Amino acid sequence: MPTKLASTSEDLAIRFVNTVAWRLKDPSEERLGSPETLLRWLQQNALISASESRRLASAWKARPDAANAAHDSALRLREAIYALFLSVIRQRPADAAVMAYVSEFIGRPSALRLRWHEGRPSWRATELPERADDLLRPIALSAAALITGPRANRIKQCADERGCGWLFVDDSRLKNRRWCAMGDCGNVAKARRHRARAGRGL
């Protein structure tokens, strides 16, 4: 499968869901395949600092059960958020169990507080966030804000026929964006249409 590069401009929850590439293909491409890759993703998306990542990696090495539990929780949350986004896209009621899971995830006791971090407010744990809930809650909050806010009807799934499946928020003026990225899936679709027209002699 072609390598897909994730966009850094999408909402946090969208970026998290898109850690599965080629979601509509069999097999898809899992990009959070281990606790270590989860930590790297959290650091790359400014949810933990480099020093926190190193400390968590050390703690998880000593407690692989905690590392695996955090990883499992991340994958479960990701798929629940994906299911919610699909329901919004299709304008169909979401599964009650999925709604309950995300709601309860957000509502659990948390050590997160709004703090000024690297020039802007962000959700940060008061101590090293070893618990998966505190690592992942900003993602759940991002998803909830998106699906209940004014941009909910702009959530879309890439129309690439190869099975991309990535989600995006269509902030284009005409709301007619069809692909996750024009420079990736959009260009492939344009080239495919061009070849089809040339084959018909148009």
C-alpha atoms as a PDB file:
ATOM      1  CA  MET A   1       0.000   0.000   0.000  1.00  0.00           C
ATOM      2  CA  PRO A   2       1.250   3.548  -0.665  1.00  0.00           C
ATOM      3  CA  THR A   3       2.566   5.408   2.378  1.00  0.00           C
ATOM      4  CA  LYS A   4       0.135   8.046   3.617  1.00  0.00           C
ATOM      5  CA  LEU A   5       1.337  11.090   5.515  1.00  0.00           C
ATOM      6  CA  ALA A   6      -0.901  12.342   8.304  1.00  0.00           C
ATOM      7  CA  SER A   7      -2.024  15.967   8.304  1.00  0.00           C
ATOM      8  CA  THR A   8      -0.976  18.060  11.286  1.00  0.00           C
ATOM      9  CA  SER A   9      -3.731  20.613  10.674  1.00  0.00           C
ATOM     10  CA  GLU A  10      -6.727  18.412  11.487  1.00  0.00           C
ATOM     11  CA  ASP A  11      -8.454  18.338  14.872  1.00  0.00           C
ATOM     12  CA  LEU A  12      -6.738  16.200  17.495  1.00  0.00           C
ATOM     13  CA  ALA A  13      -9.484  13.560  17.491  1.00  0.00           C
ATOM     14  CA  ILE A  14      -9.375  13.315  13.696  1.00  0.00           C
ATOM     15  CA  ARG A  15      -5.599  12.833  13.770  1.00  0.00           C
ATOM     16  CA  PHE A  16      -6.052  10.099  16.364  1.00  0.00           C
ATOM     17  CA  VAL A  17      -8.674   8.222  14.336  1.00  0.00           C
ATOM     18  CA  ASN A  18      -6.410   8.488  11.308  1.00  0.00           C
ATOM     19  CA  THR A  19      -3.713   6.424  13.017  1.00  0.00           C
ATOM     20  CA  VAL A  20      -5.330   3.643  11.002  1.00  0.00           C
ATOM     21  CA  ALA A  21      -4.297   4.198   7.378  1.00  0.00           C
ATOM     22  CA  TRP A  22      -6.157   2.542   4.490  1.00  0.00           C
ATOM     23  CA  ARG A  23      -8.968   1.868   6.931  1.00  0.00           C
ATOM     24  CA  LEU A  24     -11.318   0.618   4.203  1.00  0.00           C
ATOM     25  CA  LYS A  25      -8.772  -1.825   2.737  1.00  0.00           C
ATOM     26  CA  ASP A  26      -8.053  -5.358   3.901  1.00  0.00           C
ATOM     27  CA  PRO A  27      -5.673  -5.318   5.598  1.00  0.00           C
ATOM     28  CA  SER A  28      -5.628  -1.785   6.947  1.00  0.00           C
ATOM     29  CA  GLU A  29      -2.409  -0.215   8.243  1.00  0.00           C
ATOM     30  CA  GLU A  30      -2.152   0.093  12.017  1.00  0.00           C
ATOM     31  CA  ARG A  31       0.096   2.950  13.113  1.00  0.00           C
ATOM     32  CA  LEU A  32      -0.347   2.525  16.856  1.00  0.00           C
ATOM     33  CA  GLY A  33       0.852  -1.031  16.997  1.00  0.00           C
ATOM     34  CA  SER A  34       2.511  -0.905  20.417  1.00  0.00           C
ATOM     35  CA  PRO A  35       2.695   1.127  23.633  1.00  0.00           C
ATOM     36  CA  GLU A  36       5.925   2.644  22.300  1.00  0.00           C
ATOM     37  CA  THR A  37       4.285   3.943  19.126  1.00  0.00           C
ATOM     38  CA  LEU A  38       1.435   5.306  21.241  1.00  0.00           C
ATOM     39  CA  LEU A  39       3.927   7.288  23.341  1.00  0.00           C
ATOM     40  CA  ARG A  40       5.581   8.671  20.216  1.00  0.00           C
ATOM     41  CA  TRP A  41       2.207   9.753  18.846  1.00  0.00           C
ATOM     42  CA  LEU A  42       1.239  11.428  22.119  1.00  0.00           C
ATOM     43  CA  GLN A  43       4.525  13.349  22.151  1.00  0.00           C
ATOM     44  CA  GLN A  44       4.271  14.313  18.470  1.00  0.00           C
ATOM     45  CA  ASN A  45       0.807  15.720  19.158  1.00  0.00           C
ATOM     46  CA  ALA A  46       1.939  17.721  22.212  1.00  0.00           C
ATOM     47  CA  LEU A  47      -0.053  15.689  24.729  1.00  0.00           C
ATOM     48  CA  ILE A  48       3.097  14.816  26.647  1.00  0.00           C
ATOM     49  CA  SER A  49       6.551  16.370  26.663  1.00  0.00           C
ATOM     50  CA  ALA A  50       9.756  14.613  25.668  1.00  0.00           C
ATOM     51  CA  SER A  51      10.742  14.235  29.317  1.00  0.00           C
ATOM     52  CA  GLU A  52       7.305  12.837  30.204  1.00  0.00           C
ATOM     53  CA  SER A  53       7.597  10.412  27.308  1.00  0.00           C
ATOM     54  CA  ARG A  54      10.945   9.154  28.592  1.00  0.00           C
ATOM     55  CA  ARG A  55       9.622   8.783  32.129  1.00  0.00           C
ATOM     56  CA  LEU A  56       6.531   6.953  30.932  1.00  0.00           C
ATOM     57  CA  ALA A  57       8.596   4.669  28.715  1.00  0.00           C
ATOM     58  CA  SER A  58      10.724   3.768  31.747  1.00  0.00           C
ATOM     59  CA  ALA A  59       7.651   3.220  33.938  1.00  0.00           C
ATOM     60  CA  TRP A  60       5.954   1.093  31.280  1.00  0.00           C
ATOM     61  CA  LYS A  61       9.106  -0.972  30.771  1.00  0.00           C
ATOM     62  CA  ALA A  62       8.988  -1.828  34.456  1.00  0.00           C
ATOM     63  CA  ARG A  63       5.230  -2.496  34.271  1.00  0.00           C
ATOM     64  CA  PRO A  64       4.344  -4.015  30.894  1.00  0.00           C
ATOM     65  CA  ASP A  65       0.831  -4.757  32.160  1.00  0.00           C
ATOM     66  CA  ALA A  66       0.210  -1.019  32.595  1.00  0.00           C
ATOM     67  CA  ALA A  67       1.697  -0.317  29.171  1.00  0.00           C
ATOM     68  CA  ASN A  68      -0.534  -2.901  27.498  1.00  0.00           C
ATOM     69  CA  ALA A  69      -3.601  -1.649  29.379  1.00  0.00           C
ATOM     70  CA  ALA A  70      -2.931   1.923  28.226  1.00  0.00           C
ATOM     71  CA  HIS A  71      -2.419   0.756  24.653  1.00  0.00           C
ATOM     72  CA  ASP A  72      -5.625  -1.302  24.681  1.00  0.00           C
ATOM     73  CA  SER A  73      -7.543   1.645  26.111  1.00  0.00           C
ATOM     74  CA  ALA A  74      -6.196   3.917  23.371  1.00  0.00           C
ATOM     75  CA  LEU A  75      -7.297   1.561  20.597  1.00  0.00           C
ATOM     76  CA  ARG A  76     -10.722   1.101  22.154  1.00  0.00           C
ATOM     77  CA  LEU A  77     -11.218   4.861  22.479  1.00  0.00           C
ATOM     78  CA  ARG A  78     -10.045   5.412  18.909  1.00  0.00           C
ATOM     79  CA  GLU A  79     -12.553   2.960  17.477  1.00  0.00           C
ATOM     80  CA  ALA A  80     -15.365   4.380  19.604  1.00  0.00           C
ATOM     81  CA  ILE A  81     -14.593   7.895  18.341  1.00  0.00           C
ATOM     82  CA  TYR A  82     -14.430   6.599  14.760  1.00  0.00           C
ATOM     83  CA  ALA A  83     -17.870   5.010  15.192  1.00  0.00           C
ATOM     84  CA  LEU A  84     -19.255   8.304  16.526  1.00  0.00           C
ATOM     85  CA  PHE A  85     -17.804  10.261  13.621  1.00  0.00           C
ATOM     86  CA  LEU A  86     -19.272   7.791  11.115  1.00  0.00           C
ATOM     87  CA  SER A  87     -22.677   8.191  12.716  1.00  0.00           C
ATOM     88  CA  VAL A  88     -22.412  11.960  12.309  1.00  0.00           C
ATOM     89  CA  ILE A  89     -21.299  11.603   8.684  1.00  0.00           C
ATOM     90  CA  ARG A  90     -24.148   9.203   7.886  1.00  0.00           C
ATOM     91  CA  GLN A  91     -26.646  11.152  10.007  1.00  0.00           C
ATOM     92  CA  ARG A  92     -27.690   8.013  11.831  1.00  0.00           C
ATOM     93  CA  PRO A  93     -27.958   7.500  15.601  1.00  0.00           C
ATOM     94  CA  ALA A  94     -24.762   6.179  17.126  1.00  0.00           C
ATOM     95  CA  ASP A  95     -24.724   2.899  19.012  1.00  0.00           C
ATOM     96  CA  ALA A  96     -25.831   3.521  22.587  1.00  0.00           C
ATOM     97  CA  ALA A  97     -22.905   1.560  24.020  1.00  0.00           C
ATOM     98  CA  VAL A  98     -20.419   3.688  22.050  1.00  0.00           C
ATOM     99  CA  MET A  99     -22.078   6.902  23.242  1.00  0.00           C
ATOM    100  CA  ALA A 100     -22.022   5.654  26.829  1.00  0.00           C
ATOM    101  CA  TYR A 101     -18.375   4.604  26.635  1.00  0.00           C
ATOM    102  CA  VAL A 102     -17.143   7.963  25.353  1.00  0.00           C
ATOM    103  CA  SER A 103     -19.373   9.855  27.803  1.00  0.00           C
ATOM    104  CA  GLU A 104     -18.105   7.816  30.750  1.00  0.00           C
ATOM    105  CA  PHE A 105     -14.522   8.161  29.560  1.00  0.00           C
ATOM    106  CA  ILE A 106     -14.808  11.940  29.613  1.00  0.00           C
ATOM    107  CA  GLY A 107     -16.613  11.955  32.950  1.00  0.00           C
ATOM    108  CA  ARG A 108     -14.169   9.853  34.969  1.00  0.00           C
ATOM    109  CA  PRO A 109     -12.129  11.564  37.713  1.00  0.00           C
ATOM    110  CA  SER A 110      -9.100  13.230  36.214  1.00  0.00           C
ATOM    111  CA  ALA A 111      -5.839  14.860  37.173  1.00  0.00           C
ATOM    112  CA  LEU A 112      -6.013  17.042  34.054  1.00  0.00           C
ATOM    113  CA  ARG A 113      -6.073  20.796  34.434  1.00  0.00           C
ATOM    114  CA  LEU A 114      -5.911  23.643  31.940  1.00  0.00           C
ATOM    115  CA  ARG A 115      -2.350  24.900  32.004  1.00  0.00           C
ATOM    116  CA  TRP A 116      -0.325  27.325  29.930  1.00  0.00           C
ATOM    117  CA  HIS A 117       2.031  25.113  27.958  1.00  0.00           C
ATOM    118  CA  GLU A 118       4.372  26.097  25.114  1.00  0.00           C
ATOM    119  CA  GLY A 119       2.629  29.377  24.465  1.00  0.00           C
ATOM    120  CA  ARG A 120      -1.011  28.314  24.700  1.00  0.00           C
ATOM    121  CA  PRO A 121      -3.563  26.736  27.055  1.00  0.00           C
ATOM    122  CA  SER A 122      -3.687  22.950  26.944  1.00  0.00           C
ATOM    123  CA  TRP A 123      -4.887  20.038  29.040  1.00  0.00           C
ATOM    124  CA  ARG A 124      -2.000  18.824  31.221  1.00  0.00           C
ATOM    125  CA  ALA A 125      -1.872  16.343  34.077  1.00  0.00           C
ATOM    126  CA  THR A 126      -0.852  17.719  37.465  1.00  0.00           C
ATOM    127  CA  GLU A 127       1.594  14.807  37.793  1.00  0.00           C
ATOM    128  CA  LEU A 128       3.115  12.289  35.405  1.00  0.00           C
ATOM    129  CA  PRO A 129       0.001  10.900  33.676  1.00  0.00           C
ATOM    130  CA  GLU A 130       0.619   7.163  33.997  1.00  0.00           C
ATOM    131  CA  ARG A 131      -3.095   6.395  33.810  1.00  0.00           C
ATOM    132  CA  ALA A 132      -4.385   5.903  30.287  1.00  0.00           C
ATOM    133  CA  ASP A 133      -7.456   8.025  31.014  1.00  0.00           C
ATOM    134  CA  ASP A 134      -5.377  11.128  31.657  1.00  0.00           C
ATOM    135  CA  LEU A 135      -3.195  10.492  28.609  1.00  0.00           C
ATOM    136  CA  LEU A 136      -6.178  10.086  26.312  1.00  0.00           C
ATOM    137  CA  ARG A 137      -8.848  12.362  27.750  1.00  0.00           C
ATOM    138  CA  PRO A 138      -7.832  15.419  25.647  1.00  0.00           C
ATOM    139  CA  ILE A 139      -8.553  13.307  22.563  1.00  0.00           C
ATOM    140  CA  ALA A 140     -12.002  12.369  23.856  1.00  0.00           C
ATOM    141  CA  LEU A 141     -12.678  16.028  24.702  1.00  0.00           C
ATOM    142  CA  SER A 142     -11.625  17.019  21.176  1.00  0.00           C
ATOM    143  CA  ALA A 143     -14.031  14.474  19.690  1.00  0.00           C
ATOM    144  CA  ALA A 144     -16.901  15.617  21.893  1.00  0.00           C
ATOM    145  CA  ALA A 145     -16.302  19.283  21.041  1.00  0.00           C
ATOM    146  CA  LEU A 146     -16.244  18.482  17.334  1.00  0.00           C
ATOM    147  CA  ILE A 147     -19.397  16.355  17.150  1.00  0.00           C
ATOM    148  CA  THR A 148     -21.424  18.735  19.306  1.00  0.00           C
ATOM    149  CA  GLY A 149     -20.130  21.935  17.703  1.00  0.00           C
ATOM    150  CA  PRO A 150     -20.922  23.938  14.562  1.00  0.00           C
ATOM    151  CA  ARG A 151     -18.428  22.008  12.409  1.00  0.00           C
ATOM    152  CA  ALA A 152     -19.986  18.590  13.009  1.00  0.00           C
ATOM    153  CA  ASN A 153     -21.698  18.581   9.615  1.00  0.00           C
ATOM    154  CA  ARG A 154     -18.323  19.141   7.967  1.00  0.00           C
ATOM    155  CA  ILE A 155     -16.814  15.835   9.095  1.00  0.00           C
ATOM    156  CA  LYS A 156     -16.247  13.651   6.041  1.00  0.00           C
ATOM    157  CA  GLN A 157     -14.528  10.447   4.994  1.00  0.00           C
ATOM    158  CA  CYS A 158     -12.061  10.422   2.119  1.00  0.00           C
ATOM    159  CA  ALA A 159     -13.730   9.357  -1.140  1.00  0.00           C
ATOM    160  CA  ASP A 160     -10.580   7.728  -2.517  1.00  0.00           C
ATOM    161  CA  GLU A 161     -11.574   4.508  -4.274  1.00  0.00           C
ATOM    162  CA  ARG A 162      -8.468   2.654  -3.085  1.00  0.00           C
ATOM    163  CA  GLY A 163      -9.876   2.492   0.447  1.00  0.00           C
ATOM    164  CA  CYS A 164      -8.144   5.385   2.205  1.00  0.00           C
ATOM    165  CA  GLY A 165     -10.873   5.849   4.797  1.00  0.00           C
ATOM    166  CA  TRP A 166      -9.230   8.781   6.545  1.00  0.00           C
ATOM    167  CA  LEU A 167     -11.533  11.371   8.079  1.00  0.00           C
ATOM    168  CA  PHE A 168     -11.234  15.133   7.749  1.00  0.00           C
ATOM    169  CA  VAL A 169     -13.147  18.310   8.494  1.00  0.00           C
ATOM    170  CA  ASP A 170     -14.161  20.113   5.315  1.00  0.00           C
ATOM    171  CA  ASP A 171     -13.409  23.765   5.995  1.00  0.00           C
ATOM    172  CA  SER A 172     -13.466  24.677   2.310  1.00  0.00           C
ATOM    173  CA  ARG A 173     -15.621  27.652   1.319  1.00  0.00           C
ATOM    174  CA  LEU A 174     -17.964  25.579  -0.854  1.00  0.00           C
ATOM    175  CA  LYS A 175     -17.963  22.550   1.479  1.00  0.00           C
ATOM    176  CA  ASN A 176     -17.208  20.312  -1.494  1.00  0.00           C
ATOM    177  CA  ARG A 177     -13.905  18.755  -0.476  1.00  0.00           C
ATOM    178  CA  ARG A 178     -13.864  15.015  -1.215  1.00  0.00           C
ATOM    179  CA  TRP A 179     -10.400  13.806  -0.264  1.00  0.00           C
ATOM    180  CA  CYS A 180      -8.259  13.776   2.854  1.00  0.00           C
ATOM    181  CA  ALA A 181      -5.556  15.641   0.917  1.00  0.00           C
ATOM    182  CA  MET A 182      -5.508  17.033  -2.590  1.00  0.00           C
ATOM    183  CA  GLY A 183      -1.815  16.279  -2.877  1.00  0.00           C
ATOM    184  CA  ASP A 184      -2.383  12.608  -2.087  1.00  0.00           C
ATOM    185  CA  CYS A 185      -5.720  10.943  -2.727  1.00  0.00           C
ATOM    186  CA  GLY A 186      -7.051  13.925  -4.713  1.00  0.00           C
ATOM    187  CA  ASN A 187      -4.221  13.788  -7.235  1.00  0.00           C
ATOM    188  CA  VAL A 188      -4.606  10.031  -7.634  1.00  0.00           C
ATOM    189  CA  ALA A 189      -8.323  10.454  -8.350  1.00  0.00           C
ATOM    190  CA  LYS A 190      -7.627  13.218 -10.882  1.00  0.00           C
ATOM    191  CA  ALA A 191      -5.023  11.059 -12.648  1.00  0.00           C
ATOM    192  CA  ARG A 192      -7.442   8.128 -12.736  1.00  0.00           C
ATOM    193  CA  ARG A 193     -10.164  10.298 -14.311  1.00  0.00           C
ATOM    194  CA  HIS A 194      -7.666  11.649 -16.847  1.00  0.00           C
ATOM    195  CA  ARG A 195      -6.628   8.137 -17.892  1.00  0.00           C
ATOM    196  CA  ALA A 196     -10.267   7.093 -18.196  1.00  0.00           C
ATOM    197  CA  ARG A 197     -11.053  10.070 -20.449  1.00  0.00           C
ATOM    198  CA  ALA A 198      -7.964   9.399 -22.557  1.00  0.00           C
ATOM    199  CA  GLY A 199      -9.001   5.765 -22.937  1.00  0.00           C
ATOM    200  CA  ARG A 200     -12.370   6.871 -24.251  1.00  0.00           C
ATOM    201  CA  GLY A 201     -10.697   9.298 -26.647  1.00  0.00           C
ATOM    202  CA  LEU A 202     -12.197  12.358 -24.945  1.00  0.00           C
END
